[in-house]
Structure formats: C-alpha cells, structure tokens
Amino acid sequence: EKELEKPEEKEPVRLKDEKVRIVPVNEKNAYVLQYMVIEFRKDLASYKDTQPDMDLESARAEIEWYVSKRYPVFAASISGNYVGYAVCKVEDDVVWLESIYVKKDYRRKGIGTRLMQEAEKVAEEHGNETLYINIHPNNQGVIGLLKKNGYDVLNLIEVRKQYQGEKTSTEYHIGDNDFRY
C-alpha cells in the first residue's frame, strides 16, 4: 500500500511590528476601506444570524460619512496592503471605539492592538484614560482583543424587549440578573 503524503502545512503569516503602519483615513484614501467595511458588516450580522444590507456603495457612504463628521479613522497597512481599520467617535470629549476590524488572515498578529493603541491616543487627547466600546456579547474575537488590552470593566448594560417572532439562543448571568440574547 502506498502511504498517503501528509499535505504541506501553510506557514502562518508572520509580521514584524515595524512592517505594520497605521495611517489616517481622509477624503483622499477613504475608498481603500470599502471592502473591509462590507466584511465587517458581514461579521457583525453573523453574530445575530442575519444577512447585512451592505453593498459597495453603502460601504463607501459609511466611510465617507465618518470622514465628513471628522471621526478619527485609521487603517493598518502592510507593504501598502490595507488589512484593518478602526473608527473613533468623539461625543462630549468621550471617545467611543465605533468600529474595529482586521482581515481574517491577519488576526492575532497584533494589528488590532496597534489600532486600539491609536484610538487610545485619541482618547488621551480628549482627557480620557480609556475608550468606551459597545460590543455584541458573542463576538469572542473582539472580546479577546479587548481583554488582552485591559478592557474588562462592564460599563453599561443595554436591554430591550424581545421582538415579535425573535428567537434568542444565549443567556447571560450578570450579578443577580439573567438576560437573553
């Protein structure tokens, strides 16, 4: 019998910190984020088992809106290839991390942390010690990123009534309370 050859394992993408550049996004380069915005919206929709209503035009409009509102927007670039982005929203000197996204092949390589550090600089410029972040409770990838970077204090709980016909599949226990999601 001929022994089956073991498939060649792909070498994971390895990055050196100095190869990742964080660049500001403005009117001139906002278009580079369009496809990542679509992927980000698909990821978010998957947490609720829905389909996003997002196309190239709406992705472009979303980024252009952030830029027009002067939201700080940053992109992570490796050798000119954009692999992630973050959007901050500043309201009354409170800085919210509105969006953070890293392409799947580049996750767990420090890029999300670099984007968060850039967002934290924005918070510091507005006199804050921290960013504020809303997150889906089952977005384990970002929850891991946040915890790795010291974000482990629950600030608020947002609740609502169940929509007609909505099915919830997860229950969370916080303090003496149970919540469905």
N, C-alpha and C. Protein backbone atom coordinates (compact mmCIF):
# COMPACT_ATOMS: atom_id res chain seq x y z
N GLU A 1 0.84 -1.19 0.00
CA GLU A 1 0.00 0.00 0.00
C GLU A 1 0.87 1.24 0.00
N LYS A 2 0.46 2.17 -0.80
CA LYS A 2 1.20 3.43 -0.87
C LYS A 2 0.76 4.32 0.29
N GLU A 3 1.73 4.82 1.00
CA GLU A 3 1.44 5.69 2.13
C GLU A 3 1.03 7.07 1.62
N LEU A 4 -0.06 7.59 2.16
CA LEU A 4 -0.53 8.91 1.76
C LEU A 4 0.43 9.98 2.25
N GLU A 5 0.70 10.92 1.38
CA GLU A 5 1.58 12.01 1.77
C GLU A 5 0.80 13.00 2.63
N LYS A 6 1.46 13.47 3.64
CA LYS A 6 0.87 14.48 4.50
C LYS A 6 0.82 15.80 3.73
N PRO A 7 -0.36 16.48 3.71
CA PRO A 7 -0.43 17.75 2.98
C PRO A 7 0.53 18.77 3.60
N GLU A 8 1.11 19.55 2.73
CA GLU A 8 2.04 20.58 3.19
C GLU A 8 1.27 21.62 3.98
N GLU A 9 1.77 21.91 5.17
CA GLU A 9 1.11 22.90 6.02
C GLU A 9 1.54 24.29 5.59
N LYS A 10 0.56 25.17 5.54
CA LYS A 10 0.86 26.56 5.22
C LYS A 10 1.54 27.21 6.40
N GLU A 11 2.56 27.96 6.10
CA GLU A 11 3.23 28.73 7.14
C GLU A 11 2.36 29.94 7.47
N PRO A 12 2.02 30.15 8.75
CA PRO A 12 1.18 31.30 9.07
C PRO A 12 1.90 32.61 8.74
N VAL A 13 1.10 33.62 8.40
CA VAL A 13 1.67 34.93 8.10
C VAL A 13 2.32 35.45 9.37
N ARG A 14 3.59 35.77 9.29
CA ARG A 14 4.31 36.34 10.42
C ARG A 14 4.62 37.79 10.11
N LEU A 15 4.38 38.62 11.08
CA LEU A 15 4.59 40.05 10.87
C LEU A 15 5.57 40.58 11.89
N LYS A 16 6.41 41.46 11.46
CA LYS A 16 7.26 42.20 12.38
C LYS A 16 6.57 43.52 12.63
N ASP A 17 6.59 43.96 13.87
CA ASP A 17 5.87 45.15 14.28
C ASP A 17 6.15 46.35 13.38
N GLU A 18 7.40 46.51 12.96
CA GLU A 18 7.73 47.69 12.17
C GLU A 18 7.14 47.67 10.77
N LYS A 19 6.64 46.52 10.31
CA LYS A 19 6.04 46.44 8.99
C LYS A 19 4.60 46.94 8.97
N VAL A 20 3.97 47.01 10.11
CA VAL A 20 2.58 47.47 10.19
C VAL A 20 2.58 48.97 10.39
N ARG A 21 1.97 49.68 9.44
CA ARG A 21 1.85 51.12 9.55
C ARG A 21 0.39 51.47 9.83
N ILE A 22 0.19 52.40 10.72
CA ILE A 22 -1.15 52.92 10.99
C ILE A 22 -1.23 54.28 10.32
N VAL A 23 -2.18 54.41 9.39
CA VAL A 23 -2.29 55.64 8.61
C VAL A 23 -3.68 56.25 8.81
N PRO A 24 -3.74 57.59 8.89
CA PRO A 24 -5.05 58.23 9.00
C PRO A 24 -5.82 58.09 7.69
N VAL A 25 -7.13 57.95 7.81
CA VAL A 25 -8.00 57.87 6.64
C VAL A 25 -8.66 59.22 6.47
N ASN A 26 -8.66 59.71 5.23
CA ASN A 26 -9.27 61.00 4.93
C ASN A 26 -10.04 60.89 3.62
N GLU A 27 -10.49 62.04 3.11
CA GLU A 27 -11.30 62.04 1.88
C GLU A 27 -10.56 61.40 0.71
N LYS A 28 -9.25 61.53 0.67
CA LYS A 28 -8.47 61.06 -0.48
C LYS A 28 -8.25 59.54 -0.48
N ASN A 29 -8.20 58.92 0.70
CA ASN A 29 -7.91 57.48 0.72
C ASN A 29 -9.02 56.64 1.35
N ALA A 30 -10.17 57.24 1.62
CA ALA A 30 -11.27 56.53 2.27
C ALA A 30 -11.73 55.31 1.48
N TYR A 31 -11.62 55.37 0.16
CA TYR A 31 -12.09 54.27 -0.69
C TYR A 31 -11.39 52.94 -0.37
N VAL A 32 -10.18 52.99 0.21
CA VAL A 32 -9.45 51.74 0.46
C VAL A 32 -10.13 50.86 1.51
N LEU A 33 -11.06 51.42 2.26
CA LEU A 33 -11.72 50.66 3.32
C LEU A 33 -13.03 50.01 2.88
N GLN A 34 -13.51 50.29 1.69
CA GLN A 34 -14.84 49.84 1.26
C GLN A 34 -15.07 48.34 1.46
N TYR A 35 -14.17 47.53 0.96
CA TYR A 35 -14.38 46.08 1.03
C TYR A 35 -14.27 45.58 2.47
N MET A 36 -13.41 46.21 3.27
CA MET A 36 -13.32 45.81 4.68
C MET A 36 -14.59 46.17 5.44
N VAL A 37 -15.21 47.29 5.10
CA VAL A 37 -16.47 47.66 5.75
C VAL A 37 -17.52 46.60 5.46
N ILE A 38 -17.58 46.13 4.23
CA ILE A 38 -18.54 45.07 3.88
C ILE A 38 -18.26 43.81 4.70
N GLU A 39 -17.00 43.41 4.80
CA GLU A 39 -16.64 42.22 5.58
C GLU A 39 -16.95 42.41 7.06
N PHE A 40 -16.71 43.62 7.58
CA PHE A 40 -17.02 43.93 8.97
C PHE A 40 -18.52 43.79 9.22
N ARG A 41 -19.33 44.34 8.33
CA ARG A 41 -20.78 44.26 8.48
C ARG A 41 -21.26 42.81 8.38
N LYS A 42 -20.64 42.01 7.51
CA LYS A 42 -20.98 40.59 7.43
C LYS A 42 -20.66 39.88 8.74
N ASP A 43 -19.49 40.18 9.31
CA ASP A 43 -19.13 39.59 10.60
C ASP A 43 -20.16 39.95 11.67
N LEU A 44 -20.52 41.24 11.75
CA LEU A 44 -21.49 41.66 12.76
C LEU A 44 -22.83 40.96 12.56
N ALA A 45 -23.28 40.86 11.32
CA ALA A 45 -24.56 40.20 11.04
C ALA A 45 -24.53 38.73 11.44
N SER A 46 -23.39 38.10 11.30
CA SER A 46 -23.29 36.67 11.64
C SER A 46 -23.52 36.41 13.12
N TYR A 47 -23.26 37.39 13.98
CA TYR A 47 -23.48 37.20 15.41
C TYR A 47 -24.96 37.11 15.76
N LYS A 48 -25.80 37.63 14.88
CA LYS A 48 -27.25 37.55 15.09
C LYS A 48 -27.91 36.68 14.04
N ASP A 49 -27.09 35.95 13.26
CA ASP A 49 -27.59 35.03 12.24
C ASP A 49 -28.51 35.74 11.25
N THR A 50 -28.06 36.91 10.79
CA THR A 50 -28.80 37.68 9.79
C THR A 50 -27.87 37.99 8.62
N GLN A 51 -28.41 38.57 7.59
CA GLN A 51 -27.63 38.99 6.43
C GLN A 51 -27.54 40.52 6.44
N PRO A 52 -26.35 41.05 6.20
CA PRO A 52 -26.24 42.52 6.19
C PRO A 52 -26.82 43.10 4.90
N ASP A 53 -27.34 44.29 5.02
CA ASP A 53 -27.81 45.02 3.84
C ASP A 53 -26.70 45.99 3.47
N MET A 54 -25.64 45.45 2.86
CA MET A 54 -24.45 46.26 2.61
C MET A 54 -23.89 45.93 1.24
N ASP A 55 -23.65 46.97 0.45
CA ASP A 55 -23.01 46.81 -0.84
C ASP A 55 -21.87 47.83 -0.92
N LEU A 56 -21.19 47.84 -2.03
CA LEU A 56 -20.03 48.72 -2.19
C LEU A 56 -20.41 50.19 -2.02
N GLU A 57 -21.54 50.57 -2.58
CA GLU A 57 -21.96 51.97 -2.48
C GLU A 57 -22.27 52.37 -1.04
N SER A 58 -22.96 51.50 -0.29
CA SER A 58 -23.28 51.85 1.10
C SER A 58 -22.03 51.79 1.98
N ALA A 59 -21.09 50.91 1.65
CA ALA A 59 -19.82 50.86 2.39
C ALA A 59 -19.05 52.16 2.17
N ARG A 60 -18.99 52.60 0.93
CA ARG A 60 -18.31 53.86 0.60
C ARG A 60 -18.98 55.01 1.34
N ALA A 61 -20.30 55.03 1.34
CA ALA A 61 -21.04 56.11 2.01
C ALA A 61 -20.78 56.10 3.52
N GLU A 62 -20.68 54.91 4.11
CA GLU A 62 -20.42 54.83 5.55
C GLU A 62 -19.08 55.46 5.90
N ILE A 63 -18.04 55.08 5.18
CA ILE A 63 -16.71 55.64 5.44
C ILE A 63 -16.68 57.14 5.15
N GLU A 64 -17.28 57.56 4.06
CA GLU A 64 -17.31 58.99 3.74
C GLU A 64 -18.05 59.78 4.80
N TRP A 65 -19.09 59.17 5.38
CA TRP A 65 -19.83 59.85 6.46
C TRP A 65 -18.94 60.04 7.68
N TYR A 66 -18.21 58.96 8.08
CA TYR A 66 -17.29 59.08 9.22
C TYR A 66 -16.28 60.19 8.98
N VAL A 67 -15.70 60.21 7.80
CA VAL A 67 -14.68 61.21 7.47
C VAL A 67 -15.29 62.61 7.45
N SER A 68 -16.49 62.74 6.88
CA SER A 68 -17.14 64.06 6.82
C SER A 68 -17.48 64.59 8.20
N LYS A 69 -17.76 63.69 9.14
CA LYS A 69 -18.07 64.08 10.52
C LYS A 69 -16.80 64.29 11.34
N ARG A 70 -15.65 64.13 10.69
CA ARG A 70 -14.35 64.29 11.32
C ARG A 70 -14.10 63.26 12.42
N TYR A 71 -14.69 62.09 12.29
CA TYR A 71 -14.37 60.99 13.19
C TYR A 71 -12.94 60.56 12.90
N PRO A 72 -12.13 60.34 13.91
CA PRO A 72 -10.80 59.81 13.65
C PRO A 72 -10.92 58.38 13.09
N VAL A 73 -10.38 58.16 11.90
CA VAL A 73 -10.41 56.85 11.24
C VAL A 73 -8.97 56.50 10.89
N PHE A 74 -8.58 55.25 11.22
CA PHE A 74 -7.22 54.79 10.97
C PHE A 74 -7.26 53.47 10.23
N ALA A 75 -6.27 53.25 9.39
CA ALA A 75 -6.14 51.98 8.69
C ALA A 75 -4.78 51.38 9.00
N ALA A 76 -4.74 50.05 9.07
CA ALA A 76 -3.48 49.33 9.23
C ALA A 76 -3.03 48.90 7.85
N SER A 77 -1.78 49.19 7.54
CA SER A 77 -1.23 48.90 6.22
C SER A 77 0.05 48.08 6.37
N ILE A 78 0.17 47.06 5.53
CA ILE A 78 1.39 46.26 5.47
C ILE A 78 1.84 46.27 4.02
N SER A 79 2.99 46.86 3.79
CA SER A 79 3.54 46.98 2.42
C SER A 79 2.51 47.55 1.44
N GLY A 80 1.74 48.53 1.89
CA GLY A 80 0.75 49.17 1.03
C GLY A 80 -0.58 48.44 0.94
N ASN A 81 -0.69 47.29 1.58
CA ASN A 81 -1.92 46.50 1.58
C ASN A 81 -2.69 46.81 2.87
N TYR A 82 -3.92 47.31 2.74
CA TYR A 82 -4.71 47.65 3.92
C TYR A 82 -5.35 46.38 4.48
N VAL A 83 -5.10 46.14 5.79
CA VAL A 83 -5.52 44.89 6.41
C VAL A 83 -6.44 45.08 7.60
N GLY A 84 -6.73 46.31 7.98
CA GLY A 84 -7.62 46.55 9.11
C GLY A 84 -7.91 48.04 9.25
N TYR A 85 -8.90 48.34 10.07
CA TYR A 85 -9.22 49.74 10.31
C TYR A 85 -9.93 49.90 11.65
N ALA A 86 -9.95 51.13 12.13
CA ALA A 86 -10.67 51.49 13.35
C ALA A 86 -11.29 52.87 13.15
N VAL A 87 -12.46 53.04 13.76
CA VAL A 87 -13.17 54.33 13.71
C VAL A 87 -13.46 54.74 15.14
N CYS A 88 -13.13 55.97 15.47
CA CYS A 88 -13.46 56.52 16.78
C CYS A 88 -14.58 57.55 16.61
N LYS A 89 -15.42 57.64 17.61
CA LYS A 89 -16.46 58.68 17.64
C LYS A 89 -16.24 59.47 18.92
N VAL A 90 -16.17 60.78 18.78
CA VAL A 90 -15.96 61.64 19.93
C VAL A 90 -17.25 62.39 20.20
N GLU A 91 -17.79 62.19 21.40
CA GLU A 91 -19.02 62.87 21.82
C GLU A 91 -18.77 63.49 23.18
N ASP A 92 -18.85 64.79 23.26
CA ASP A 92 -18.64 65.50 24.54
C ASP A 92 -17.35 65.05 25.21
N ASP A 93 -16.30 64.95 24.44
CA ASP A 93 -14.97 64.53 24.90
C ASP A 93 -14.89 63.09 25.39
N VAL A 94 -15.91 62.29 25.16
CA VAL A 94 -15.85 60.85 25.42
C VAL A 94 -15.56 60.19 24.08
N VAL A 95 -14.59 59.29 24.06
CA VAL A 95 -14.18 58.64 22.82
C VAL A 95 -14.67 57.19 22.81
N TRP A 96 -15.48 56.90 21.81
CA TRP A 96 -16.03 55.56 21.60
C TRP A 96 -15.25 54.89 20.48
N LEU A 97 -14.89 53.64 20.66
CA LEU A 97 -14.35 52.86 19.55
C LEU A 97 -15.55 52.35 18.78
N GLU A 98 -15.89 53.06 17.73
CA GLU A 98 -17.10 52.81 16.95
C GLU A 98 -17.00 51.50 16.16
N SER A 99 -15.84 51.26 15.56
CA SER A 99 -15.60 50.05 14.75
C SER A 99 -14.14 49.68 14.84
N ILE A 100 -13.88 48.39 14.85
CA ILE A 100 -12.51 47.90 14.70
C ILE A 100 -12.61 46.60 13.92
N TYR A 101 -11.80 46.47 12.89
CA TYR A 101 -11.86 45.30 12.02
C TYR A 101 -10.47 44.98 11.49
N VAL A 102 -10.13 43.70 11.49
CA VAL A 102 -8.89 43.21 10.90
C VAL A 102 -9.27 42.04 10.00
N LYS A 103 -8.73 42.01 8.79
CA LYS A 103 -9.00 40.91 7.86
C LYS A 103 -8.63 39.58 8.52
N LYS A 104 -9.40 38.55 8.21
CA LYS A 104 -9.24 37.25 8.86
C LYS A 104 -7.81 36.71 8.84
N ASP A 105 -7.13 36.79 7.71
CA ASP A 105 -5.76 36.24 7.61
C ASP A 105 -4.74 37.01 8.45
N TYR A 106 -5.11 38.17 8.95
CA TYR A 106 -4.17 39.00 9.69
C TYR A 106 -4.53 39.12 11.17
N ARG A 107 -5.50 38.38 11.61
CA ARG A 107 -5.90 38.44 13.02
C ARG A 107 -4.89 37.70 13.90
N ARG A 108 -4.87 38.12 15.16
CA ARG A 108 -4.00 37.53 16.18
C ARG A 108 -2.52 37.74 15.85
N LYS A 109 -2.23 38.89 15.25
CA LYS A 109 -0.86 39.23 14.90
C LYS A 109 -0.48 40.62 15.43
N GLY A 110 -1.31 41.17 16.31
CA GLY A 110 -1.01 42.46 16.91
C GLY A 110 -1.58 43.67 16.19
N ILE A 111 -2.26 43.45 15.07
CA ILE A 111 -2.78 44.58 14.30
C ILE A 111 -3.94 45.25 15.03
N GLY A 112 -4.85 44.46 15.60
CA GLY A 112 -5.95 45.03 16.37
C GLY A 112 -5.44 45.84 17.54
N THR A 113 -4.41 45.32 18.21
CA THR A 113 -3.82 46.05 19.33
C THR A 113 -3.23 47.38 18.85
N ARG A 114 -2.56 47.37 17.72
CA ARG A 114 -1.99 48.62 17.19
C ARG A 114 -3.09 49.62 16.88
N LEU A 115 -4.20 49.16 16.30
CA LEU A 115 -5.32 50.05 16.02
C LEU A 115 -5.92 50.59 17.31
N MET A 116 -6.04 49.74 18.32
CA MET A 116 -6.57 50.20 19.62
C MET A 116 -5.64 51.24 20.24
N GLN A 117 -4.34 51.03 20.15
CA GLN A 117 -3.39 51.99 20.71
C GLN A 117 -3.56 53.36 20.04
N GLU A 118 -3.80 53.36 18.75
CA GLU A 118 -4.02 54.63 18.05
C GLU A 118 -5.31 55.28 18.55
N ALA A 119 -6.36 54.48 18.74
CA ALA A 119 -7.62 55.02 19.27
C ALA A 119 -7.44 55.52 20.70
N GLU A 120 -6.62 54.85 21.48
CA GLU A 120 -6.36 55.30 22.85
C GLU A 120 -5.65 56.65 22.86
N LYS A 121 -4.81 56.90 21.86
CA LYS A 121 -4.18 58.22 21.75
C LYS A 121 -5.23 59.30 21.57
N VAL A 122 -6.27 59.00 20.78
CA VAL A 122 -7.36 59.96 20.58
C VAL A 122 -8.05 60.21 21.92
N ALA A 123 -8.30 59.14 22.68
CA ALA A 123 -8.94 59.29 24.00
C ALA A 123 -8.09 60.17 24.91
N GLU A 124 -6.78 59.93 24.93
CA GLU A 124 -5.87 60.72 25.76
C GLU A 124 -5.91 62.20 25.35
N GLU A 125 -5.96 62.45 24.04
CA GLU A 125 -6.03 63.84 23.56
C GLU A 125 -7.28 64.55 24.05
N HIS A 126 -8.32 63.78 24.39
CA HIS A 126 -9.57 64.36 24.90
C HIS A 126 -9.68 64.21 26.41
N GLY A 127 -8.57 63.93 27.08
CA GLY A 127 -8.54 63.87 28.54
C GLY A 127 -9.11 62.60 29.14
N ASN A 128 -9.17 61.52 28.37
CA ASN A 128 -9.72 60.25 28.87
C ASN A 128 -8.63 59.23 29.12
N GLU A 129 -8.86 58.36 30.09
CA GLU A 129 -7.94 57.27 30.37
C GLU A 129 -8.30 56.01 29.59
N THR A 130 -9.50 55.98 29.00
CA THR A 130 -9.98 54.77 28.37
C THR A 130 -10.87 55.08 27.18
N LEU A 131 -11.06 54.08 26.36
CA LEU A 131 -12.06 54.12 25.29
C LEU A 131 -13.34 53.49 25.82
N TYR A 132 -14.45 53.83 25.22
CA TYR A 132 -15.72 53.17 25.52
C TYR A 132 -16.11 52.36 24.29
N ILE A 133 -16.61 51.16 24.52
CA ILE A 133 -16.82 50.23 23.42
C ILE A 133 -18.12 49.47 23.63
N ASN A 134 -19.01 49.51 22.62
CA ASN A 134 -20.19 48.65 22.59
C ASN A 134 -19.82 47.42 21.77
N ILE A 135 -20.26 46.25 22.23
CA ILE A 135 -19.87 45.03 21.54
C ILE A 135 -20.97 43.97 21.66
N HIS A 136 -21.12 43.17 20.61
CA HIS A 136 -22.03 42.03 20.69
C HIS A 136 -21.46 41.04 21.71
N PRO A 137 -22.29 40.51 22.61
CA PRO A 137 -21.76 39.64 23.66
C PRO A 137 -21.19 38.32 23.13
N ASN A 138 -21.49 37.94 21.91
CA ASN A 138 -20.90 36.70 21.38
C ASN A 138 -19.81 36.97 20.36
N ASN A 139 -19.28 38.17 20.32
CA ASN A 139 -18.15 38.50 19.45
C ASN A 139 -16.86 38.16 20.20
N GLN A 140 -16.57 36.88 20.30
CA GLN A 140 -15.45 36.41 21.12
C GLN A 140 -14.09 36.91 20.62
N GLY A 141 -13.95 37.11 19.32
CA GLY A 141 -12.68 37.61 18.81
C GLY A 141 -12.34 38.98 19.36
N VAL A 142 -13.29 39.89 19.29
CA VAL A 142 -13.04 41.24 19.79
C VAL A 142 -13.01 41.25 21.32
N ILE A 143 -13.83 40.44 21.95
CA ILE A 143 -13.78 40.36 23.41
C ILE A 143 -12.39 39.92 23.86
N GLY A 144 -11.80 38.95 23.17
CA GLY A 144 -10.44 38.52 23.48
C GLY A 144 -9.43 39.65 23.29
N LEU A 145 -9.57 40.39 22.19
CA LEU A 145 -8.70 41.53 21.93
C LEU A 145 -8.83 42.57 23.04
N LEU A 146 -10.06 42.87 23.42
CA LEU A 146 -10.29 43.86 24.47
C LEU A 146 -9.69 43.42 25.79
N LYS A 147 -9.94 42.18 26.18
CA LYS A 147 -9.40 41.68 27.46
C LYS A 147 -7.88 41.69 27.45
N LYS A 148 -7.28 41.30 26.32
CA LYS A 148 -5.82 41.30 26.19
C LYS A 148 -5.26 42.70 26.42
N ASN A 149 -6.04 43.71 26.05
CA ASN A 149 -5.60 45.09 26.18
C ASN A 149 -6.14 45.78 27.43
N GLY A 150 -6.63 45.00 28.40
CA GLY A 150 -7.04 45.54 29.70
C GLY A 150 -8.47 46.01 29.81
N TYR A 151 -9.28 45.76 28.80
CA TYR A 151 -10.68 46.20 28.81
C TYR A 151 -11.55 45.07 29.37
N ASP A 152 -11.79 45.13 30.69
CA ASP A 152 -12.56 44.08 31.33
C ASP A 152 -13.57 44.61 32.35
N VAL A 153 -13.85 45.91 32.29
CA VAL A 153 -14.82 46.52 33.21
C VAL A 153 -16.12 46.74 32.45
N LEU A 154 -17.18 46.11 32.93
CA LEU A 154 -18.50 46.29 32.34
C LEU A 154 -19.00 47.68 32.72
N ASN A 155 -19.36 48.49 31.73
CA ASN A 155 -19.76 49.86 31.98
C ASN A 155 -21.27 50.03 32.02
N LEU A 156 -21.97 49.52 31.04
CA LEU A 156 -23.42 49.63 30.95
C LEU A 156 -23.98 48.33 30.41
N ILE A 157 -25.24 48.10 30.66
CA ILE A 157 -25.97 47.00 30.04
C ILE A 157 -27.11 47.62 29.24
N GLU A 158 -27.19 47.30 27.98
CA GLU A 158 -28.27 47.81 27.12
C GLU A 158 -29.30 46.70 26.98
N VAL A 159 -30.56 46.99 27.31
CA VAL A 159 -31.61 45.98 27.22
C VAL A 159 -32.79 46.51 26.41
N ARG A 160 -33.59 45.59 25.91
CA ARG A 160 -34.81 45.92 25.18
C ARG A 160 -35.76 44.74 25.33
N LYS A 161 -37.01 44.95 24.91
CA LYS A 161 -37.97 43.85 24.85
C LYS A 161 -37.64 42.97 23.65
N GLN A 162 -38.08 41.73 23.73
CA GLN A 162 -37.89 40.80 22.62
C GLN A 162 -38.81 41.19 21.46
N TYR A 163 -38.24 41.19 20.24
CA TYR A 163 -39.04 41.47 19.05
C TYR A 163 -40.03 40.34 18.82
N GLN A 164 -41.15 40.66 18.22
CA GLN A 164 -42.13 39.64 17.87
C GLN A 164 -41.49 38.64 16.91
N GLY A 165 -41.57 37.36 17.25
CA GLY A 165 -41.01 36.30 16.42
C GLY A 165 -39.51 36.10 16.58
N GLU A 166 -38.85 36.92 17.38
CA GLU A 166 -37.40 36.79 17.57
C GLU A 166 -37.09 35.57 18.44
N LYS A 167 -36.05 34.87 18.07
CA LYS A 167 -35.60 33.73 18.87
C LYS A 167 -34.26 34.10 19.51
N THR A 168 -34.18 33.90 20.80
CA THR A 168 -32.91 34.13 21.50
C THR A 168 -32.30 32.77 21.79
N SER A 169 -30.98 32.70 21.75
CA SER A 169 -30.34 31.40 21.91
C SER A 169 -29.31 31.36 23.05
N THR A 170 -29.00 32.50 23.61
CA THR A 170 -27.97 32.55 24.64
C THR A 170 -28.51 33.30 25.85
N GLU A 171 -28.06 32.87 27.03
CA GLU A 171 -28.44 33.56 28.25
C GLU A 171 -27.18 33.97 28.98
N TYR A 172 -27.19 35.20 29.51
CA TYR A 172 -26.06 35.73 30.24
C TYR A 172 -26.50 36.05 31.66
N HIS A 173 -25.67 35.71 32.61
CA HIS A 173 -25.94 35.98 34.02
C HIS A 173 -24.98 37.08 34.47
N ILE A 174 -25.55 38.23 34.87
CA ILE A 174 -24.74 39.35 35.34
C ILE A 174 -25.28 39.76 36.69
N GLY A 175 -24.45 39.65 37.70
CA GLY A 175 -24.89 39.93 39.06
C GLY A 175 -26.01 38.97 39.43
N ASP A 176 -27.14 39.50 39.84
CA ASP A 176 -28.31 38.68 40.20
C ASP A 176 -29.31 38.59 39.06
N ASN A 177 -28.91 38.94 37.84
CA ASN A 177 -29.85 39.05 36.73
C ASN A 177 -29.48 38.15 35.57
N ASP A 178 -30.51 37.63 34.91
CA ASP A 178 -30.32 36.85 33.70
C ASP A 178 -30.87 37.65 32.53
N PHE A 179 -30.13 37.62 31.43
CA PHE A 179 -30.52 38.33 30.20
C PHE A 179 -30.43 37.36 29.04
N ARG A 180 -31.36 37.48 28.10
CA ARG A 180 -31.35 36.64 26.90
C ARG A 180 -30.72 37.43 25.77
N TYR A 181 -30.11 36.69 24.85
CA TYR A 181 -29.53 37.31 23.67
C TYR A 181 -29.77 36.40 22.50
